[in-house]
Amino acid sequence: MLHPLQTRADTIVNKQSKKQREEDEKNKIKEIAKAKKQLKPEKVTDDKEDNSEKRRQRRPEGLERPPEIIRRNGG
């Protein structure tokens, strides 16, 4: 036979563990499904020739290279 104090202690432990479980479930980190990978959208271009004309030329044709700056080492 079970002792009455022992059963009372068991019920107290069970009640506390239920409360503890409920709190643990609330604090538990929820796992979220990973996001699906999406494909990159394709670039929309009309004509590639138009883009090359719009780009700024670094040095127009016929223009000479500027003279180099002479730098001497510190001696």
PDB file of N, CA and C in Angstrom:
ATOM      1  N   MET A   1       0.829  -1.191   0.000  1.00  0.00           N
ATOM      2  CA  MET A   1       0.000   0.000   0.000  1.00  0.00           C
ATOM      3  C   MET A   1       0.870   1.250   0.000  1.00  0.00           C
ATOM      4  N   LEU A   2       0.311   2.272  -0.596  1.00  0.00           N
ATOM      5  CA  LEU A   2       1.030   3.533  -0.652  1.00  0.00           C
ATOM      6  C   LEU A   2       0.758   4.344   0.594  1.00  0.00           C
ATOM      7  N   HIS A   3       1.743   5.026   1.010  1.00  0.00           N
ATOM      8  CA  HIS A   3       1.621   5.890   2.176  1.00  0.00           C
ATOM      9  C   HIS A   3       0.916   7.176   1.739  1.00  0.00           C
ATOM     10  N   PRO A   4      -0.002   7.736   2.532  1.00  0.00           N
ATOM     11  CA  PRO A   4      -0.750   8.928   2.097  1.00  0.00           C
ATOM     12  C   PRO A   4       0.147  10.139   1.831  1.00  0.00           C
ATOM     13  N   LEU A   5       1.206  10.304   2.587  1.00  0.00           N
ATOM     14  CA  LEU A   5       2.099  11.436   2.353  1.00  0.00           C
ATOM     15  C   LEU A   5       2.845  11.286   1.027  1.00  0.00           C
ATOM     16  N   GLN A   6       3.136  10.042   0.707  1.00  0.00           N
ATOM     17  CA  GLN A   6       3.868   9.797  -0.526  1.00  0.00           C
ATOM     18  C   GLN A   6       2.996  10.156  -1.737  1.00  0.00           C
ATOM     19  N   THR A   7       1.721   9.803  -1.698  1.00  0.00           N
ATOM     20  CA  THR A   7       0.841  10.119  -2.828  1.00  0.00           C
ATOM     21  C   THR A   7       0.642  11.626  -2.938  1.00  0.00           C
ATOM     22  N   ARG A   8       0.550  12.307  -1.791  1.00  0.00           N
ATOM     23  CA  ARG A   8       0.386  13.757  -1.804  1.00  0.00           C
ATOM     24  C   ARG A   8       1.622  14.405  -2.448  1.00  0.00           C
ATOM     25  N   ALA A   9       2.787  13.936  -2.106  1.00  0.00           N
ATOM     26  CA  ALA A   9       4.019  14.466  -2.679  1.00  0.00           C
ATOM     27  C   ALA A   9       4.061  14.197  -4.180  1.00  0.00           C
ATOM     28  N   ASP A  10       3.604  13.028  -4.585  1.00  0.00           N
ATOM     29  CA  ASP A  10       3.578  12.696  -6.010  1.00  0.00           C
ATOM     30  C   ASP A  10       2.670  13.643  -6.782  1.00  0.00           C
ATOM     31  N   THR A  11       1.504  13.951  -6.226  1.00  0.00           N
ATOM     32  CA  THR A  11       0.578  14.841  -6.934  1.00  0.00           C
ATOM     33  C   THR A  11       1.154  16.247  -7.025  1.00  0.00           C
ATOM     34  N   ILE A  12       1.839  16.693  -5.982  1.00  0.00           N
ATOM     35  CA  ILE A  12       2.461  18.020  -6.014  1.00  0.00           C
ATOM     36  C   ILE A  12       3.532  18.058  -7.100  1.00  0.00           C
ATOM     37  N   VAL A  13       4.337  17.025  -7.176  1.00  0.00           N
ATOM     38  CA  VAL A  13       5.390  16.953  -8.185  1.00  0.00           C
ATOM     39  C   VAL A  13       4.763  16.927  -9.574  1.00  0.00           C
ATOM     40  N   ASN A  14       3.683  16.158  -9.737  1.00  0.00           N
ATOM     41  CA  ASN A  14       3.027  16.069 -11.038  1.00  0.00           C
ATOM     42  C   ASN A  14       2.446  17.416 -11.455  1.00  0.00           C
ATOM     43  N   LYS A  15       1.834  18.138 -10.526  1.00  0.00           N
ATOM     44  CA  LYS A  15       1.257  19.440 -10.842  1.00  0.00           C
ATOM     45  C   LYS A  15       2.359  20.426 -11.228  1.00  0.00           C
ATOM     46  N   GLN A  16       3.441  20.397 -10.482  1.00  0.00           N
ATOM     47  CA  GLN A  16       4.545  21.305 -10.793  1.00  0.00           C
ATOM     48  C   GLN A  16       5.154  20.963 -12.152  1.00  0.00           C
ATOM     49  N   SER A  17       5.270  19.688 -12.420  1.00  0.00           N
ATOM     50  CA  SER A  17       5.871  19.300 -13.687  1.00  0.00           C
ATOM     51  C   SER A  17       4.957  19.687 -14.852  1.00  0.00           C
ATOM     52  N   LYS A  18       3.636  19.635 -14.654  1.00  0.00           N
ATOM     53  CA  LYS A  18       2.721  20.063 -15.715  1.00  0.00           C
ATOM     54  C   LYS A  18       2.889  21.552 -15.983  1.00  0.00           C
ATOM     55  N   LYS A  19       2.976  22.340 -14.906  1.00  0.00           N
ATOM     56  CA  LYS A  19       3.166  23.778 -15.073  1.00  0.00           C
ATOM     57  C   LYS A  19       4.509  24.048 -15.749  1.00  0.00           C
ATOM     58  N   GLN A  20       5.498  23.305 -15.299  1.00  0.00           N
ATOM     59  CA  GLN A  20       6.843  23.468 -15.871  1.00  0.00           C
ATOM     60  C   GLN A  20       6.813  23.117 -17.360  1.00  0.00           C
ATOM     61  N   ARG A  21       6.124  22.044 -17.703  1.00  0.00           N
ATOM     62  CA  ARG A  21       6.041  21.634 -19.108  1.00  0.00           C
ATOM     63  C   ARG A  21       5.346  22.707 -19.942  1.00  0.00           C
ATOM     64  N   GLU A  22       4.270  23.271 -19.403  1.00  0.00           N
ATOM     65  CA  GLU A  22       3.547  24.310 -20.132  1.00  0.00           C
ATOM     66  C   GLU A  22       4.435  25.536 -20.354  1.00  0.00           C
ATOM     67  N   GLU A  23       5.186  25.912 -19.332  1.00  0.00           N
ATOM     68  CA  GLU A  23       6.090  27.054 -19.470  1.00  0.00           C
ATOM     69  C   GLU A  23       7.202  26.749 -20.473  1.00  0.00           C
ATOM     70  N   ASP A  24       7.708  25.521 -20.411  1.00  0.00           N
ATOM     71  CA  ASP A  24       8.759  25.129 -21.348  1.00  0.00           C
ATOM     72  C   ASP A  24       8.246  25.170 -22.785  1.00  0.00           C
ATOM     73  N   GLU A  25       7.000  24.731 -22.987  1.00  0.00           N
ATOM     74  CA  GLU A  25       6.429  24.746 -24.327  1.00  0.00           C
ATOM     75  C   GLU A  25       6.262  26.177 -24.828  1.00  0.00           C
ATOM     76  N   LYS A  26       5.899  27.086 -23.928  1.00  0.00           N
ATOM     77  CA  LYS A  26       5.748  28.490 -24.319  1.00  0.00           C
ATOM     78  C   LYS A  26       7.105  29.090 -24.691  1.00  0.00           C
ATOM     79  N   ASN A  27       8.130  28.754 -23.924  1.00  0.00           N
ATOM     80  CA  ASN A  27       9.463  29.313 -24.143  1.00  0.00           C
ATOM     81  C   ASN A  27      10.246  28.573 -25.223  1.00  0.00           C
ATOM     82  N   LYS A  28       9.722  27.452 -25.654  1.00  0.00           N
ATOM     83  CA  LYS A  28      10.422  26.625 -26.626  1.00  0.00           C
ATOM     84  C   LYS A  28      10.548  27.370 -27.958  1.00  0.00           C
ATOM     85  N   ILE A  29      11.677  27.240 -28.583  1.00  0.00           N
ATOM     86  CA  ILE A  29      11.904  27.889 -29.872  1.00  0.00           C
ATOM     87  C   ILE A  29      11.145  27.110 -30.934  1.00  0.00           C
ATOM     88  N   LYS A  30      10.330  27.831 -31.671  1.00  0.00           N
ATOM     89  CA  LYS A  30       9.535  27.178 -32.699  1.00  0.00           C
ATOM     90  C   LYS A  30      10.370  27.034 -33.961  1.00  0.00           C
ATOM     91  N   GLU A  31      10.292  25.863 -34.574  1.00  0.00           N
ATOM     92  CA  GLU A  31      11.030  25.630 -35.810  1.00  0.00           C
ATOM     93  C   GLU A  31      10.175  26.096 -36.982  1.00  0.00           C
ATOM     94  N   ILE A  32      10.804  26.854 -37.845  1.00  0.00           N
ATOM     95  CA  ILE A  32      10.105  27.393 -39.003  1.00  0.00           C
ATOM     96  C   ILE A  32      10.684  26.742 -40.252  1.00  0.00           C
ATOM     97  N   ALA A  33       9.820  26.438 -41.199  1.00  0.00           N
ATOM     98  CA  ALA A  33      10.276  25.815 -42.435  1.00  0.00           C
ATOM     99  C   ALA A  33      11.180  26.782 -43.188  1.00  0.00           C
ATOM    100  N   LYS A  34      12.223  26.243 -43.816  1.00  0.00           N
ATOM    101  CA  LYS A  34      13.155  27.086 -44.559  1.00  0.00           C
ATOM    102  C   LYS A  34      12.464  27.664 -45.794  1.00  0.00           C
ATOM    103  N   ALA A  35      12.885  28.853 -46.165  1.00  0.00           N
ATOM    104  CA  ALA A  35      12.320  29.505 -47.339  1.00  0.00           C
ATOM    105  C   ALA A  35      12.778  28.779 -48.598  1.00  0.00           C
ATOM    106  N   LYS A  36      11.893  28.724 -49.566  1.00  0.00           N
ATOM    107  CA  LYS A  36      12.230  28.072 -50.824  1.00  0.00           C
ATOM    108  C   LYS A  36      13.137  28.988 -51.634  1.00  0.00           C
ATOM    109  N   LYS A  37      14.107  28.394 -52.311  1.00  0.00           N
ATOM    110  CA  LYS A  37      15.015  29.184 -53.133  1.00  0.00           C
ATOM    111  C   LYS A  37      14.278  29.642 -54.386  1.00  0.00           C
ATOM    112  N   GLN A  38      14.461  30.912 -54.711  1.00  0.00           N
ATOM    113  CA  GLN A  38      13.828  31.460 -55.901  1.00  0.00           C
ATOM    114  C   GLN A  38      14.886  31.727 -56.958  1.00  0.00           C
ATOM    115  N   LEU A  39      14.495  31.555 -58.204  1.00  0.00           N
ATOM    116  CA  LEU A  39      15.411  31.810 -59.299  1.00  0.00           C
ATOM    117  C   LEU A  39      15.592  33.309 -59.477  1.00  0.00           C
ATOM    118  N   LYS A  40      16.786  33.692 -59.922  1.00  0.00           N
ATOM    119  CA  LYS A  40      17.035  35.106 -60.174  1.00  0.00           C
ATOM    120  C   LYS A  40      16.268  35.522 -61.423  1.00  0.00           C
ATOM    121  N   PRO A  41      15.693  36.706 -61.412  1.00  0.00           N
ATOM    122  CA  PRO A  41      14.966  37.148 -62.610  1.00  0.00           C
ATOM    123  C   PRO A  41      15.934  37.419 -63.756  1.00  0.00           C
ATOM    124  N   GLU A  42      15.461  37.157 -64.961  1.00  0.00           N
ATOM    125  CA  GLU A  42      16.309  37.377 -66.128  1.00  0.00           C
ATOM    126  C   GLU A  42      16.387  38.864 -66.423  1.00  0.00           C
ATOM    127  N   LYS A  43      17.552  39.293 -66.877  1.00  0.00           N
ATOM    128  CA  LYS A  43      17.729  40.703 -67.205  1.00  0.00           C
ATOM    129  C   LYS A  43      17.030  41.003 -68.531  1.00  0.00           C
ATOM    130  N   VAL A  44      16.341  42.116 -68.558  1.00  0.00           N
ATOM    131  CA  VAL A  44      15.637  42.514 -69.769  1.00  0.00           C
ATOM    132  C   VAL A  44      16.485  43.538 -70.504  1.00  0.00           C
ATOM    133  N   THR A  45      16.932  43.174 -71.707  1.00  0.00           N
ATOM    134  CA  THR A  45      17.727  44.104 -72.514  1.00  0.00           C
ATOM    135  C   THR A  45      17.164  44.108 -73.928  1.00  0.00           C
ATOM    136  N   ASP A  46      17.040  45.303 -74.507  1.00  0.00           N
ATOM    137  CA  ASP A  46      16.526  45.422 -75.869  1.00  0.00           C
ATOM    138  C   ASP A  46      17.654  45.204 -76.876  1.00  0.00           C
ATOM    139  N   ASP A  47      18.612  46.116 -76.890  1.00  0.00           N
ATOM    140  CA  ASP A  47      19.755  46.005 -77.796  1.00  0.00           C
ATOM    141  C   ASP A  47      21.035  46.247 -77.018  1.00  0.00           C
ATOM    142  N   LYS A  48      22.013  45.406 -77.272  1.00  0.00           N
ATOM    143  CA  LYS A  48      23.291  45.576 -76.579  1.00  0.00           C
ATOM    144  C   LYS A  48      24.073  46.750 -77.169  1.00  0.00           C
ATOM    145  N   GLU A  49      23.819  47.086 -78.438  1.00  0.00           N
ATOM    146  CA  GLU A  49      24.540  48.183 -79.088  1.00  0.00           C
ATOM    147  C   GLU A  49      24.199  49.519 -78.440  1.00  0.00           C
ATOM    148  N   ASP A  50      22.949  49.696 -78.043  1.00  0.00           N
ATOM    149  CA  ASP A  50      22.538  50.949 -77.414  1.00  0.00           C
ATOM    150  C   ASP A  50      23.290  51.173 -76.112  1.00  0.00           C
ATOM    151  N   ASN A  51      23.499  50.112 -75.373  1.00  0.00           N
ATOM    152  CA  ASN A  51      24.193  50.234 -74.089  1.00  0.00           C
ATOM    153  C   ASN A  51      25.636  50.683 -74.281  1.00  0.00           C
ATOM    154  N   SER A  52      26.297  50.192 -75.334  1.00  0.00           N
ATOM    155  CA  SER A  52      27.698  50.556 -75.544  1.00  0.00           C
ATOM    156  C   SER A  52      27.826  52.032 -75.920  1.00  0.00           C
ATOM    157  N   GLU A  53      26.833  52.578 -76.626  1.00  0.00           N
ATOM    158  CA  GLU A  53      26.883  53.990 -76.988  1.00  0.00           C
ATOM    159  C   GLU A  53      26.655  54.871 -75.768  1.00  0.00           C
ATOM    160  N   LYS A  54      25.824  54.440 -74.864  1.00  0.00           N
ATOM    161  CA  LYS A  54      25.503  55.229 -73.685  1.00  0.00           C
ATOM    162  C   LYS A  54      26.674  55.288 -72.706  1.00  0.00           C
ATOM    163  N   ARG A  55      27.488  54.240 -72.711  1.00  0.00           N
ATOM    164  CA  ARG A  55      28.618  54.215 -71.779  1.00  0.00           C
ATOM    165  C   ARG A  55      29.609  55.311 -72.129  1.00  0.00           C
ATOM    166  N   ARG A  56      30.137  55.956 -71.140  1.00  0.00           N
ATOM    167  CA  ARG A  56      31.096  57.035 -71.330  1.00  0.00           C
ATOM    168  C   ARG A  56      32.428  56.447 -71.765  1.00  0.00           C
ATOM    169  N   GLN A  57      33.002  57.036 -72.781  1.00  0.00           N
ATOM    170  CA  GLN A  57      34.306  56.560 -73.228  1.00  0.00           C
ATOM    171  C   GLN A  57      35.373  57.088 -72.294  1.00  0.00           C
ATOM    172  N   ARG A  58      36.329  56.248 -72.021  1.00  0.00           N
ATOM    173  CA  ARG A  58      37.379  56.633 -71.089  1.00  0.00           C
ATOM    174  C   ARG A  58      38.251  57.733 -71.686  1.00  0.00           C
ATOM    175  N   ARG A  59      38.682  57.531 -72.922  1.00  0.00           N
ATOM    176  CA  ARG A  59      39.471  58.547 -73.623  1.00  0.00           C
ATOM    177  C   ARG A  59      39.023  58.510 -75.084  1.00  0.00           C
ATOM    178  N   PRO A  60      38.422  59.575 -75.551  1.00  0.00           N
ATOM    179  CA  PRO A  60      37.945  59.569 -76.946  1.00  0.00           C
ATOM    180  C   PRO A  60      39.097  59.333 -77.918  1.00  0.00           C
ATOM    181  N   GLU A  61      38.757  58.785 -79.089  1.00  0.00           N
ATOM    182  CA  GLU A  61      39.784  58.501 -80.096  1.00  0.00           C
ATOM    183  C   GLU A  61      40.445  59.800 -80.553  1.00  0.00           C
ATOM    184  N   GLY A  62      41.748  59.736 -80.808  1.00  0.00           N
ATOM    185  CA  GLY A  62      42.478  60.910 -81.269  1.00  0.00           C
ATOM    186  C   GLY A  62      43.063  61.727 -80.131  1.00  0.00           C
ATOM    187  N   LEU A  63      42.601  61.519 -78.933  1.00  0.00           N
ATOM    188  CA  LEU A  63      43.133  62.267 -77.798  1.00  0.00           C
ATOM    189  C   LEU A  63      44.327  61.503 -77.245  1.00  0.00           C
ATOM    190  N   GLU A  64      45.435  62.204 -77.087  1.00  0.00           N
ATOM    191  CA  GLU A  64      46.647  61.532 -76.621  1.00  0.00           C
ATOM    192  C   GLU A  64      46.616  61.335 -75.115  1.00  0.00           C
ATOM    193  N   ARG A  65      47.479  60.443 -74.715  1.00  0.00           N
ATOM    194  CA  ARG A  65      47.585  60.152 -73.293  1.00  0.00           C
ATOM    195  C   ARG A  65      48.265  61.328 -72.599  1.00  0.00           C
ATOM    196  N   PRO A  66      47.777  61.727 -71.435  1.00  0.00           N
ATOM    197  CA  PRO A  66      48.419  62.850 -70.745  1.00  0.00           C
ATOM    198  C   PRO A  66      49.832  62.471 -70.300  1.00  0.00           C
ATOM    199  N   PRO A  67      50.713  63.480 -70.169  1.00  0.00           N
ATOM    200  CA  PRO A  67      52.095  63.171 -69.756  1.00  0.00           C
ATOM    201  C   PRO A  67      52.127  62.566 -68.350  1.00  0.00           C
ATOM    202  N   GLU A  68      53.060  61.634 -68.172  1.00  0.00           N
ATOM    203  CA  GLU A  68      53.165  60.986 -66.866  1.00  0.00           C
ATOM    204  C   GLU A  68      53.811  61.920 -65.865  1.00  0.00           C
ATOM    205  N   ILE A  69      53.392  61.817 -64.637  1.00  0.00           N
ATOM    206  CA  ILE A  69      53.965  62.633 -63.577  1.00  0.00           C
ATOM    207  C   ILE A  69      55.215  61.925 -63.074  1.00  0.00           C
ATOM    208  N   ILE A  70      56.338  62.629 -63.097  1.00  0.00           N
ATOM    209  CA  ILE A  70      57.594  62.027 -62.662  1.00  0.00           C
ATOM    210  C   ILE A  70      57.644  62.080 -61.143  1.00  0.00           C
ATOM    211  N   ARG A  71      57.843  60.935 -60.546  1.00  0.00           N
ATOM    212  CA  ARG A  71      57.922  60.870 -59.088  1.00  0.00           C
ATOM    213  C   ARG A  71      59.268  60.288 -58.713  1.00  0.00           C
ATOM    214  N   ARG A  72      59.922  60.941 -57.815  1.00  0.00           N
ATOM    215  CA  ARG A  72      61.231  60.464 -57.379  1.00  0.00           C
ATOM    216  C   ARG A  72      61.098  59.871 -55.992  1.00  0.00           C
ATOM    217  N   ASN A  73      61.835  58.816 -55.782  1.00  0.00           N
ATOM    218  CA  ASN A  73      61.841  58.222 -54.447  1.00  0.00           C
ATOM    219  C   ASN A  73      62.564  59.166 -53.505  1.00  0.00           C
ATOM    220  N   GLY A  74      62.193  59.157 -52.243  1.00  0.00           N
ATOM    221  CA  GLY A  74      62.664  60.129 -51.264  1.00  0.00           C
ATOM    222  C   GLY A  74      64.163  60.215 -51.079  1.00  0.00           C
ATOM    223  N   GLY A  75      64.983  60.140 -52.081  1.00  0.00           N
ATOM    224  CA  GLY A  75      66.401  60.217 -51.830  1.00  0.00           C
ATOM    225  C   GLY A  75      67.095  60.980 -52.792  1.00  0.00           C
TER     226      GLY A  75
END
